[in-house]
Amino acid sequence: MAITKINPDDMPDAGAMGYTQVTTAQPGTMIFLSGQVGWSRDGTPVPEGLAEQAAIAVRNVERGLAAAGASAADVTSMRIYVVGLTDDNAGDAYSPLPAFFGGQAPCVTMIGVSSLASPNLLVEMEVTAVKS
C-alpha cells in the first residue's frame, strides 16, 4: 500500500515544521484509533508534565496500531488535543513524534482544549491509519 506525503509549493512549508499538508493512501484497511492519553495499563499515576504524558500517549498509539497489524508508517493523520495550548507548550506535545514517525510526520493538527476526560490529563492523540 502506498502512502504519499505532499507539501505543495503554494502552501505553507509544513515540511520545515516536521509535518505534512496532504497525505494520500491507496485502498486498504482503515484504522481509527481512539484518543490516547498518559494512562498506563498497569495503573501507574499519570505524570504531571506534558512531554511525559505525550510520550506515554505515543507509546499507546504505537501499541494500538500494532494490535491492528499497523505501524507509524501507516498513519495518514493525527490530531493532538492539548489543554491550554500555547506556543511555549506545543513543542512538548509534539516532542515524541519525530522519533515515532522516523522523521516527517503525516498530516498533524494540534488543537487547544479547556479539558480532557480527566482533570490530570494534558494531551490526547487520535490517529487514522491505512494498511494494505
Protein backbone atom coordinates (compact mmCIF):
# COMPACT_ATOMS: atom_id res chain seq x y z
CA MET A 1 0.00 0.00 0.00
CA ALA A 2 1.31 3.42 -0.89
CA ILE A 3 1.01 6.39 1.43
CA THR A 4 2.19 9.61 -0.19
CA LYS A 5 3.07 12.78 1.73
CA ILE A 6 2.65 16.01 -0.24
CA ASN A 7 3.71 19.56 0.65
CA PRO A 8 2.56 21.73 -2.29
CA ASP A 9 4.85 24.64 -3.17
CA ASP A 10 1.95 27.10 -2.94
CA MET A 11 1.05 26.16 0.69
CA PRO A 12 2.92 26.95 3.94
CA ASP A 13 6.11 24.88 4.30
CA ALA A 14 4.84 22.20 6.69
CA GLY A 15 7.86 20.01 5.97
CA ALA A 16 10.11 22.57 7.66
CA MET A 17 7.97 22.19 10.78
CA GLY A 18 8.01 18.38 10.63
CA TYR A 19 4.54 17.54 9.34
CA THR A 20 2.73 17.12 6.01
CA GLN A 21 -0.02 19.25 4.44
CA VAL A 22 -1.63 16.44 2.39
CA THR A 23 -1.47 12.65 2.75
CA THR A 24 -2.95 10.21 0.26
CA ALA A 25 -3.41 6.46 0.74
CA GLN A 26 -4.25 3.68 -1.67
CA PRO A 27 -7.18 1.45 -0.78
CA GLY A 28 -6.62 -0.72 2.24
CA THR A 29 -7.94 -1.34 5.74
CA MET A 30 -8.72 1.91 7.53
CA ILE A 31 -7.79 2.06 11.21
CA PHE A 32 -9.35 4.57 13.59
CA LEU A 33 -7.54 4.76 16.92
CA SER A 34 -9.38 6.31 19.87
CA GLY A 35 -7.71 9.22 21.59
CA GLN A 36 -4.69 8.03 23.57
CA VAL A 37 -3.59 9.76 26.75
CA GLY A 38 -1.00 9.40 29.51
CA TRP A 39 -2.70 6.37 31.07
CA SER A 40 -0.81 3.10 31.51
CA ARG A 41 -2.40 -0.33 31.66
CA ASP A 42 -0.70 -1.07 34.99
CA GLY A 43 -2.28 1.94 36.66
CA THR A 44 0.94 3.94 37.02
CA PRO A 45 0.00 7.50 38.03
CA VAL A 46 -0.24 9.99 35.17
CA PRO A 47 2.90 12.18 35.07
CA GLU A 48 2.39 15.89 35.69
CA GLY A 49 4.43 17.05 32.69
CA LEU A 50 3.05 17.48 29.19
CA ALA A 51 6.11 15.98 27.46
CA GLU A 52 5.96 12.89 29.68
CA GLN A 53 2.23 12.44 29.03
CA ALA A 54 2.81 12.87 25.29
CA ALA A 55 5.47 10.15 25.33
CA ILE A 56 3.05 7.72 27.03
CA ALA A 57 0.27 8.65 24.58
CA VAL A 58 2.60 7.92 21.64
CA ARG A 59 3.52 4.53 23.16
CA ASN A 60 -0.21 3.79 23.46
CA VAL A 61 -0.73 4.84 19.83
CA GLU A 62 2.10 2.52 18.79
CA ARG A 63 0.55 -0.39 20.73
CA GLY A 64 -2.90 0.27 19.29
CA LEU A 65 -1.54 0.33 15.76
CA ALA A 66 0.40 -2.89 16.37
CA ALA A 67 -2.79 -4.58 17.61
CA ALA A 68 -4.31 -3.77 14.20
CA GLY A 69 -1.23 -5.01 12.35
CA ALA A 70 -0.08 -1.47 11.53
CA SER A 71 2.78 0.86 12.41
CA ALA A 72 3.68 4.55 12.33
CA ALA A 73 4.36 4.19 8.59
CA ASP A 74 0.64 3.51 8.05
CA VAL A 75 -0.59 6.67 9.82
CA THR A 76 -2.31 9.14 7.49
CA SER A 77 -3.39 11.75 10.03
CA MET A 78 -3.10 12.64 13.71
CA ARG A 79 -4.99 15.07 15.91
CA ILE A 80 -3.36 16.24 19.11
CA TYR A 81 -5.57 17.86 21.74
CA VAL A 82 -3.65 19.94 24.31
CA VAL A 83 -5.12 21.50 27.44
CA GLY A 84 -4.19 25.20 27.45
CA LEU A 85 -2.24 25.06 24.18
CA THR A 86 0.35 27.84 23.79
CA ASP A 87 3.36 28.48 21.57
CA ASP A 88 5.51 27.52 24.57
CA ASN A 89 3.96 24.09 25.28
CA ALA A 90 3.22 22.98 21.71
CA GLY A 91 6.77 21.64 21.39
CA ASP A 92 6.32 19.46 24.47
CA ALA A 93 3.19 17.87 22.97
CA TYR A 94 4.95 17.32 19.62
CA SER A 95 8.33 16.20 21.04
CA PRO A 96 7.90 12.39 20.77
CA LEU A 97 6.61 12.47 17.18
CA PRO A 98 9.83 12.77 15.13
CA ALA A 99 11.25 9.60 16.69
CA PHE A 100 7.92 7.78 16.39
CA PHE A 101 7.49 8.65 12.72
CA GLY A 102 11.20 8.33 11.90
CA GLY A 103 11.29 11.86 10.54
CA GLN A 104 8.49 13.79 8.93
CA ALA A 105 5.04 13.14 10.37
CA PRO A 106 1.90 12.79 8.25
CA CYS A 107 -0.90 15.35 8.48
CA VAL A 108 -1.00 16.60 12.08
CA THR A 109 -3.47 19.02 13.63
CA MET A 110 -2.87 20.38 17.13
CA ILE A 111 -5.97 21.69 18.90
CA GLY A 112 -6.16 23.64 22.16
CA VAL A 113 -8.88 22.50 24.55
CA SER A 114 -10.00 23.52 28.03
CA SER A 115 -10.07 19.96 29.42
CA LEU A 116 -9.92 16.26 28.59
CA ALA A 117 -11.55 13.13 30.07
CA SER A 118 -9.81 13.50 33.44
CA PRO A 119 -8.54 16.66 35.15
CA ASN A 120 -4.93 15.40 35.30
CA LEU A 121 -4.70 14.77 31.54
CA LEU A 122 -2.91 17.38 29.43
CA VAL A 123 -2.71 15.74 25.97
CA GLU A 124 -4.69 13.29 23.84
CA MET A 125 -3.67 11.85 20.46
CA GLU A 126 -6.11 10.44 17.92
CA VAL A 127 -4.89 8.62 14.80
CA THR A 128 -6.22 7.45 11.45
CA ALA A 129 -4.16 4.90 9.52
CA VAL A 130 -4.50 2.77 6.39
CA LYS A 131 -2.79 -0.60 5.92
CA SER A 132 -2.87 -2.92 2.94
